[in-house]
Protein backbone atom coordinates (compact mmCIF):
# COMPACT_ATOMS: atom_id res chain seq x y z
CA MET A 1 -17.52 65.44 66.92
CA PHE A 2 -18.31 63.58 63.69
CA SER A 3 -17.04 64.79 60.32
CA VAL A 4 -17.25 64.09 56.64
CA THR A 5 -14.70 65.45 54.14
CA VAL A 6 -15.24 65.93 50.42
CA ARG A 7 -12.60 67.00 47.89
CA ASP A 8 -12.44 68.77 44.59
CA HIS A 9 -10.04 71.18 42.87
CA MET A 10 -10.01 74.53 41.24
CA LEU A 11 -7.70 76.41 38.79
CA ILE A 12 -7.46 80.20 39.11
CA ALA A 13 -5.36 83.10 38.00
CA HIS A 14 -4.60 86.02 40.31
CA SER A 15 -1.95 88.36 41.57
CA LEU A 16 -1.20 89.18 45.19
CA ARG A 17 -0.68 92.71 46.63
CA GLY A 18 2.26 93.39 48.94
CA GLU A 19 6.02 93.17 48.92
CA ALA A 20 5.90 90.02 50.95
CA PHE A 21 4.67 88.12 47.88
CA GLY A 22 7.66 88.83 45.63
CA PRO A 23 7.12 87.52 42.18
CA ALA A 24 3.58 86.38 43.10
CA GLN A 25 2.65 90.09 42.83
CA ARG A 26 2.55 89.45 39.06
CA LEU A 27 -0.34 87.55 37.45
CA HIS A 28 0.15 83.86 37.91
CA GLY A 29 -1.90 80.61 38.00
CA ALA A 30 -2.65 78.36 40.88
CA THR A 31 -4.26 74.84 41.13
CA TYR A 32 -5.75 74.10 44.45
CA VAL A 33 -7.00 70.81 45.86
CA VAL A 34 -9.88 71.79 48.09
CA ASP A 35 -11.08 69.80 51.09
CA ALA A 36 -14.34 70.68 52.87
CA THR A 37 -14.81 69.01 56.24
CA LEU A 38 -18.42 69.24 57.56
CA LYS A 39 -18.84 68.69 61.38
CA ARG A 40 -21.64 67.94 63.75
CA ALA A 41 -21.80 66.61 67.34
CA ASP A 42 -24.51 64.00 66.57
CA LEU A 43 -25.44 62.00 63.53
CA ASP A 44 -28.83 62.48 61.88
CA ALA A 45 -31.61 59.95 61.96
CA ASP A 46 -29.97 58.12 59.05
CA GLY A 47 -26.65 57.91 60.91
CA VAL A 48 -24.71 60.40 58.81
CA VAL A 49 -23.26 63.82 59.12
CA VAL A 50 -24.57 64.83 55.65
CA ASP A 51 -25.04 63.01 52.38
CA ILE A 52 -21.53 62.80 50.82
CA GLY A 53 -22.95 63.08 47.31
CA ARG A 54 -24.79 66.31 48.06
CA ALA A 55 -21.77 67.73 49.85
CA THR A 56 -19.58 66.95 46.83
CA GLU A 57 -22.07 68.64 44.47
CA GLU A 58 -22.33 71.77 46.65
CA LEU A 59 -18.50 72.08 46.97
CA ARG A 60 -18.23 71.75 43.18
CA ALA A 61 -20.88 74.41 42.71
CA VAL A 62 -18.96 76.86 44.99
CA LEU A 63 -15.67 76.15 43.26
CA SER A 64 -17.20 76.59 39.82
CA GLU A 65 -17.91 80.24 40.71
CA LEU A 66 -14.08 80.76 41.02
CA SER A 67 -12.40 78.20 38.84
CA TYR A 68 -11.00 79.10 35.43
CA ARG A 69 -11.21 82.78 36.23
CA ASN A 70 -8.76 85.57 36.76
CA LEU A 71 -9.81 86.53 40.31
CA ASP A 72 -8.30 90.01 39.82
CA ASP A 73 -11.18 90.66 37.40
CA GLU A 74 -14.00 89.40 39.62
CA PRO A 75 -16.14 92.31 40.90
CA ALA A 76 -17.26 90.28 43.94
CA LEU A 77 -13.63 90.02 45.00
CA ALA A 78 -12.61 93.62 44.43
CA GLY A 79 -10.35 94.81 47.19
CA LEU A 80 -9.68 91.22 48.48
CA ASN A 81 -6.06 90.10 48.41
CA THR A 82 -6.78 86.53 47.26
CA THR A 83 -4.27 84.68 49.39
CA THR A 84 -4.77 80.99 49.98
CA GLU A 85 -6.08 81.83 53.48
CA GLU A 86 -8.65 84.39 52.15
CA LEU A 87 -9.83 81.91 49.56
CA ALA A 88 -10.32 79.24 52.17
CA ARG A 89 -12.51 81.67 54.15
CA LEU A 90 -14.47 82.73 51.03
CA ILE A 91 -15.14 79.12 50.07
CA ALA A 92 -16.15 78.23 53.69
CA ASP A 93 -18.53 81.16 53.91
CA ARG A 94 -20.16 80.32 50.55
CA LEU A 95 -20.48 76.65 51.48
CA ALA A 96 -21.96 77.57 54.88
CA LYS A 97 -24.54 79.81 53.20
CA ARG A 98 -25.63 76.95 50.98
CA ALA A 99 -25.81 74.53 53.92
CA GLN A 100 -27.87 76.96 56.00
CA ALA A 101 -30.24 77.49 53.04
CA GLY A 102 -30.94 73.76 52.86
CA ALA A 103 -28.76 72.73 49.89
CA LEU A 104 -27.38 69.82 51.90
CA GLY A 105 -30.78 68.83 53.29
CA LYS A 106 -31.96 69.01 56.87
CA ALA A 107 -28.75 67.41 58.08
CA GLY A 108 -26.81 70.27 56.53
CA GLN A 109 -28.88 72.82 58.39
CA GLU A 110 -27.85 71.10 61.66
CA LEU A 111 -24.11 71.18 61.06
CA ASP A 112 -22.01 72.62 63.90
CA GLY A 113 -19.06 73.77 61.77
CA LEU A 114 -16.97 73.34 58.77
CA VAL A 115 -13.34 73.58 57.75
CA VAL A 116 -12.11 74.34 54.25
CA THR A 117 -8.46 73.51 53.41
CA LEU A 118 -6.77 74.65 50.22
CA HIS A 119 -3.73 72.58 49.29
CA GLU A 120 -1.25 74.67 47.17
CA SER A 121 1.03 71.67 46.74
CA HIS A 122 1.94 68.47 48.47
CA VAL A 123 3.91 70.45 51.08
CA GLY A 124 1.78 73.49 51.75
CA SER A 125 -1.91 74.19 52.67
CA ALA A 126 -4.06 76.76 54.43
CA SER A 127 -7.39 76.29 56.25
CA TYR A 128 -10.31 78.29 57.56
CA GLU A 129 -12.62 76.87 60.21
CA ARG A 130 -15.94 78.34 61.10
CA ALA A 131 -18.91 77.53 63.26
CA LEU A 132 -22.37 77.23 61.89
């Protein structure tokens, strides 16, 4: 399996529901470094998984829908406990939808899967992997 990883970041505000989250139940900010790894079994005719520049642009576009926002106020996220894991899945699903719609070109429509990892800090991260 071949892969290409692109990276960006996002800054959000949110609160988490549930006693397990202690003080994080109150509104707080988070800065995530976000990696998106795009995978396919075979390279395209140009010898690439996808164009790295296009992948970077699409990840940035997905993150811009979330960054600098209080996620508690976002109607599209109503009812979602915006844990790092849930945000990784949300970003992966949105990026997959863009790839399948052709935003990454023909190569993007032929991806086999992707992994999105959100790094909360230098010691902790969460990922979501999905097939395409």
